[in-house]
């Protein structure tokens, strides 16, 4: 494992080997079962989705909710939330209603970022049908959301929804490469070192990393919307993002910085 991959991502990729399952802790499972209110906002998951889905001010300025919506096997900054336990992961992954709620949480945050989930099967995204331009601007200037996105991608992986991660990463890359959107140093930095490594599937991590490096180092290369859609469709049909003819550039984490904050 490269030393250039951040420590928190390496622990995630390794499956948090030093963690012990605490059978007495189940707040994440109870919250996603709609039986426990999150704190400090005091909302059940279904109420939070209903009340906050398009309340962008709350989603921007409140911070405690993100650890409830996207739990991880690591401690965060909200002391009222619990780290995700292994027995909870098993139970949540096996419950279709909970998985639909997790996808609903993902949809809510995507809309907040100016994006829309086109397919929960492949992870394909598009720009939001609302004012995506203003949401993109907010994402560019509100760097604490970069840390949130790292959490979201890790949590989706933990809960059996890692297939969605490639859809997010390749959408952002397409916007940067073809449309010159979301193409700031801060977003590129977070994406190249953090987000693109939040995939436990090594083949997908390598393939996406190779495409990112090609976009970053070859000014003539454009990763188009058509290429994005074809990659996800290819994976749907063959089980792999990778084309059959040749291997893309091997993934090496890029050297970059990440704006560390205290929001997670």
Protein backbone atom coordinates (compact mmCIF):
# COMPACT_ATOMS: atom_id res chain seq x y z
CA UNK A 1 0.00 0.00 0.00
CA UNK A 2 1.48 3.32 -1.00
CA UNK A 3 2.46 5.66 1.78
CA UNK A 4 0.86 8.45 -0.25
CA UNK A 5 -2.59 7.11 0.54
CA UNK A 6 -3.83 8.91 3.68
CA UNK A 7 -3.84 6.93 6.91
CA UNK A 8 -7.62 7.05 7.33
CA UNK A 9 -8.12 5.70 3.80
CA UNK A 10 -5.56 2.93 4.34
CA UNK A 11 -7.41 1.85 7.48
CA UNK A 12 -10.67 1.84 5.52
CA UNK A 13 -9.13 -0.20 2.69
CA UNK A 14 -7.77 -2.69 5.22
CA UNK A 15 -11.22 -3.06 6.81
CA UNK A 16 -10.21 -1.46 10.13
CA UNK A 17 -8.31 -4.57 11.30
CA UNK A 18 -7.75 -3.29 14.83
CA UNK A 19 -11.43 -2.60 15.51
CA UNK A 20 -13.41 -4.80 17.87
CA UNK A 21 -17.12 -5.36 17.35
CA UNK A 22 -19.11 -3.99 20.27
CA UNK A 23 -22.31 -6.01 20.37
CA UNK A 24 -23.96 -3.65 22.84
CA UNK A 25 -23.75 -0.69 20.43
CA UNK A 26 -26.45 -0.49 17.79
CA UNK A 27 -27.44 3.17 17.39
CA UNK A 28 -26.68 3.23 13.67
CA UNK A 29 -28.86 0.19 13.04
CA UNK A 30 -31.67 1.59 15.18
CA UNK A 31 -31.46 4.98 13.47
CA UNK A 32 -31.67 3.47 10.00
CA UNK A 33 -34.51 1.23 11.19
CA UNK A 34 -36.39 4.48 11.97
CA UNK A 35 -36.46 3.62 15.67
CA UNK A 36 -33.91 6.08 17.08
CA UNK A 37 -33.63 9.83 16.69
CA UNK A 38 -30.30 11.25 15.65
CA UNK A 39 -28.61 13.72 17.95
CA UNK A 40 -28.37 16.64 18.24
CA UNK A 41 -31.08 17.19 15.59
CA UNK A 42 -33.61 14.84 17.24
CA UNK A 43 -35.05 13.43 14.01
CA UNK A 44 -35.94 9.96 12.83
CA UNK A 45 -34.34 9.05 9.50
CA UNK A 46 -37.64 9.24 7.57
CA UNK A 47 -38.40 12.66 9.07
CA UNK A 48 -34.94 13.94 8.25
CA UNK A 49 -35.30 12.87 4.64
CA UNK A 50 -38.72 14.44 4.34
CA UNK A 51 -37.86 17.73 6.06
CA UNK A 52 -34.32 18.32 4.85
CA UNK A 53 -34.22 16.92 1.31
CA UNK A 54 -34.17 20.35 -0.33
CA UNK A 55 -33.26 22.46 2.72
CA UNK A 56 -29.81 23.40 1.52
CA UNK A 57 -29.16 25.84 4.37
CA UNK A 58 -29.55 23.09 6.96
CA UNK A 59 -27.42 20.68 4.95
CA UNK A 60 -24.69 23.30 4.65
CA UNK A 61 -24.53 24.70 8.15
CA UNK A 62 -25.46 21.75 10.34
CA UNK A 63 -22.75 19.14 10.80
CA UNK A 64 -23.84 16.47 13.29
CA UNK A 65 -26.25 14.72 10.91
CA UNK A 66 -23.64 13.52 8.42
CA UNK A 67 -22.23 10.89 10.80
CA UNK A 68 -25.70 9.46 11.32
CA UNK A 69 -26.52 9.35 7.62
CA UNK A 70 -23.16 7.86 6.63
CA UNK A 71 -21.73 5.90 9.57
CA UNK A 72 -18.16 4.57 9.56
CA UNK A 73 -16.05 2.26 11.66
CA UNK A 74 -14.12 5.26 12.91
CA UNK A 75 -14.82 8.02 15.38
CA UNK A 76 -15.93 11.43 14.16
CA UNK A 77 -16.44 14.86 15.66
CA UNK A 78 -20.05 14.29 16.79
CA UNK A 79 -19.66 12.65 20.20
CA UNK A 80 -23.40 11.88 20.17
CA UNK A 81 -22.97 9.48 17.25
CA UNK A 82 -21.46 6.00 17.51
CA UNK A 83 -18.88 4.36 15.28
CA UNK A 84 -20.39 1.74 12.99
CA UNK A 85 -20.14 -1.80 14.36
CA UNK A 86 -19.54 -4.95 12.32
CA UNK A 87 -22.76 -6.58 13.47
CA UNK A 88 -24.61 -3.45 12.36
CA UNK A 89 -23.03 -3.64 8.92
CA UNK A 90 -24.24 -7.21 8.49
CA UNK A 91 -27.76 -6.37 9.64
CA UNK A 92 -28.02 -3.18 7.59
CA UNK A 93 -26.72 -4.77 4.39
CA UNK A 94 -29.28 -7.55 4.76
CA UNK A 95 -32.26 -5.21 5.19
CA UNK A 96 -33.72 -3.87 1.89
CA UNK A 97 -35.62 -1.07 3.65
CA UNK A 98 -32.45 0.19 5.28
CA UNK A 99 -30.54 0.04 2.00
CA UNK A 100 -33.26 2.11 0.34
CA UNK A 101 -32.93 4.66 3.14
CA UNK A 102 -29.16 4.81 2.63
CA UNK A 103 -29.73 5.44 -1.08
CA UNK A 104 -32.24 8.14 -0.16
CA UNK A 105 -29.56 9.77 2.02
CA UNK A 106 -27.17 9.63 -0.92
CA UNK A 107 -29.75 11.16 -3.25
CA UNK A 108 -30.31 13.99 -0.77
CA UNK A 109 -26.63 14.85 -0.58
CA UNK A 110 -26.22 14.58 -4.34
CA UNK A 111 -29.01 17.11 -4.88
CA UNK A 112 -27.30 19.36 -2.37
CA UNK A 113 -24.13 19.10 -4.48
CA UNK A 114 -26.00 19.77 -7.74
CA UNK A 115 -26.18 16.16 -8.92
CA UNK A 116 -28.86 13.55 -9.48
CA UNK A 117 -28.72 9.76 -9.26
CA UNK A 118 -29.90 8.46 -12.63
CA UNK A 119 -29.45 4.77 -11.85
CA UNK A 120 -29.09 3.15 -8.46
CA UNK A 121 -28.03 -0.01 -10.30
CA UNK A 122 -25.00 1.46 -12.08
CA UNK A 123 -24.42 4.64 -10.08
CA UNK A 124 -24.79 6.89 -13.13
CA UNK A 125 -25.17 10.57 -12.22
CA UNK A 126 -26.29 13.68 -14.05
CA UNK A 127 -26.55 17.32 -13.11
CA UNK A 128 -29.49 18.12 -10.89
CA UNK A 129 -32.65 19.28 -12.65
CA UNK A 130 -32.65 22.20 -10.19
CA UNK A 131 -30.05 24.96 -10.12
CA UNK A 132 -26.96 22.84 -10.49
CA UNK A 133 -24.80 25.88 -11.24
CA UNK A 134 -25.38 27.44 -7.82
CA UNK A 135 -24.94 24.08 -6.09
CA UNK A 136 -21.63 23.55 -7.89
CA UNK A 137 -20.50 27.00 -6.77
CA UNK A 138 -21.41 26.15 -3.19
CA UNK A 139 -19.45 22.92 -3.37
CA UNK A 140 -16.40 24.76 -4.71
CA UNK A 141 -16.37 27.35 -1.94
CA UNK A 142 -17.46 25.12 0.97
CA UNK A 143 -14.48 22.85 1.38
CA UNK A 144 -15.81 21.06 4.46
CA UNK A 145 -18.02 19.17 1.99
CA UNK A 146 -14.91 17.51 0.59
CA UNK A 147 -14.50 15.69 3.90
CA UNK A 148 -18.18 14.81 3.85
CA UNK A 149 -17.79 13.23 0.42
CA UNK A 150 -14.91 11.07 1.68
CA UNK A 151 -17.21 9.87 4.46
CA UNK A 152 -20.08 9.23 2.06
CA UNK A 153 -17.97 7.11 -0.27
CA UNK A 154 -16.49 5.07 2.58
CA UNK A 155 -19.93 4.51 4.12
CA UNK A 156 -21.47 3.41 0.84
CA UNK A 157 -18.68 0.87 0.52
CA UNK A 158 -19.23 -0.40 4.05
CA UNK A 159 -22.94 -0.87 3.47
CA UNK A 160 -22.68 -2.84 0.24
CA UNK A 161 -23.24 0.06 -2.16
CA UNK A 162 -19.71 0.60 -3.42
CA UNK A 163 -20.97 0.27 -7.00
CA UNK A 164 -22.26 3.84 -6.59
CA UNK A 165 -18.80 5.26 -5.91
CA UNK A 166 -17.51 4.85 -9.46
CA UNK A 167 -20.56 6.70 -10.75
CA UNK A 168 -19.77 9.67 -8.52
CA UNK A 169 -16.05 9.76 -9.26
CA UNK A 170 -16.43 9.45 -13.01
CA UNK A 171 -19.19 12.07 -13.10
CA UNK A 172 -16.96 14.59 -11.36
CA UNK A 173 -14.06 13.68 -13.65
CA UNK A 174 -16.25 14.12 -16.73
CA UNK A 175 -17.39 17.52 -15.49
CA UNK A 176 -13.78 18.55 -14.95
CA UNK A 177 -12.42 17.17 -18.21
CA UNK A 178 -15.16 17.91 -20.73
CA UNK A 179 -17.05 20.80 -19.15
CA UNK A 180 -14.42 22.52 -16.97
CA UNK A 181 -16.72 22.36 -13.96
CA UNK A 182 -15.70 21.43 -10.40
CA UNK A 183 -12.12 21.78 -11.60
CA UNK A 184 -10.54 23.68 -8.74
CA UNK A 185 -7.28 22.76 -6.98
CA UNK A 186 -9.18 21.92 -3.79
CA UNK A 187 -11.58 19.51 -5.45
CA UNK A 188 -8.87 17.92 -7.59
CA UNK A 189 -6.72 17.46 -4.49
CA UNK A 190 -9.47 15.79 -2.48
CA UNK A 191 -10.56 13.67 -5.40
CA UNK A 192 -7.13 12.42 -6.45
CA UNK A 193 -5.83 11.45 -3.05
CA UNK A 194 -8.94 10.78 -0.95
CA UNK A 195 -12.10 10.11 -2.96
CA UNK A 196 -10.55 8.00 -5.72
CA UNK A 197 -9.00 5.71 -3.11
CA UNK A 198 -12.29 5.07 -1.28
CA UNK A 199 -12.86 1.88 -3.25
CA UNK A 200 -12.06 -1.53 -1.80
CA UNK A 201 -12.43 -3.08 -5.24
CA UNK A 202 -8.80 -2.93 -6.32
CA UNK A 203 -9.52 -3.27 -10.04
CA UNK A 204 -11.98 -0.36 -10.00
CA UNK A 205 -9.61 1.73 -7.89
CA UNK A 206 -6.79 1.08 -10.36
CA UNK A 207 -8.90 1.75 -13.45
CA UNK A 208 -10.38 5.00 -12.14
CA UNK A 209 -6.97 6.11 -10.87
CA UNK A 210 -5.51 5.52 -14.33
CA UNK A 211 -8.22 7.60 -16.00
CA UNK A 212 -7.71 10.42 -13.50
CA UNK A 213 -3.96 10.43 -14.09
CA UNK A 214 -4.52 10.51 -17.85
CA UNK A 215 -6.82 13.53 -17.54
CA UNK A 216 -4.40 15.31 -15.21
CA UNK A 217 -1.26 14.71 -17.26
CA UNK A 218 -2.48 14.83 -20.86
CA UNK A 219 -4.11 18.11 -21.83
CA UNK A 220 -5.27 16.61 -25.14
CA UNK A 221 -7.22 13.80 -23.50
CA UNK A 222 -10.90 14.45 -22.72
CA UNK A 223 -12.97 12.06 -20.63
CA UNK A 224 -16.38 12.53 -22.23
CA UNK A 225 -19.90 11.88 -21.02
CA UNK A 226 -20.15 9.09 -23.59
CA UNK A 227 -17.04 7.42 -22.17
CA UNK A 228 -18.48 7.77 -18.66
CA UNK A 229 -21.78 6.14 -19.62
CA UNK A 230 -20.03 3.41 -21.60
CA UNK A 231 -17.77 2.53 -18.66
CA UNK A 232 -20.71 1.99 -16.31
CA UNK A 233 -22.67 0.09 -18.94
CA UNK A 234 -19.62 -2.09 -19.61
CA UNK A 235 -19.39 -2.92 -15.93
CA UNK A 236 -23.09 -3.77 -15.87
CA UNK A 237 -22.63 -6.23 -18.72
CA UNK A 238 -19.19 -7.68 -17.94
CA UNK A 239 -18.64 -6.94 -14.26
CA UNK A 240 -15.66 -4.71 -14.98
CA UNK A 241 -15.03 -1.06 -15.85
CA UNK A 242 -11.93 -2.15 -17.70
CA UNK A 243 -12.07 -2.69 -21.44
CA UNK A 244 -11.00 -6.03 -22.83
CA UNK A 245 -8.40 -4.76 -25.30
CA UNK A 246 -5.84 -3.16 -23.04
CA UNK A 247 -5.08 -2.17 -19.49
CA UNK A 248 -5.14 1.49 -18.60
CA UNK A 249 -2.41 3.23 -16.68
CA UNK A 250 -1.74 1.72 -13.27
CA UNK A 251 -3.04 3.78 -10.41
CA UNK A 252 -0.60 5.60 -8.23
CA UNK A 253 -2.04 8.08 -5.75
CA UNK A 254 -1.32 11.64 -6.85
CA UNK A 255 0.69 13.97 -4.68
CA UNK A 256 -1.67 16.60 -3.38
CA UNK A 257 -3.10 18.17 -0.27
CA UNK A 258 -6.45 17.85 1.43
CA UNK A 259 -8.13 20.60 3.42
CA UNK A 260 -8.50 19.01 6.80
CA UNK A 261 -11.32 20.32 8.95
CA UNK A 262 -13.23 19.54 12.08
CA UNK A 263 -16.65 18.92 10.59
CA UNK A 264 -16.64 15.14 10.62
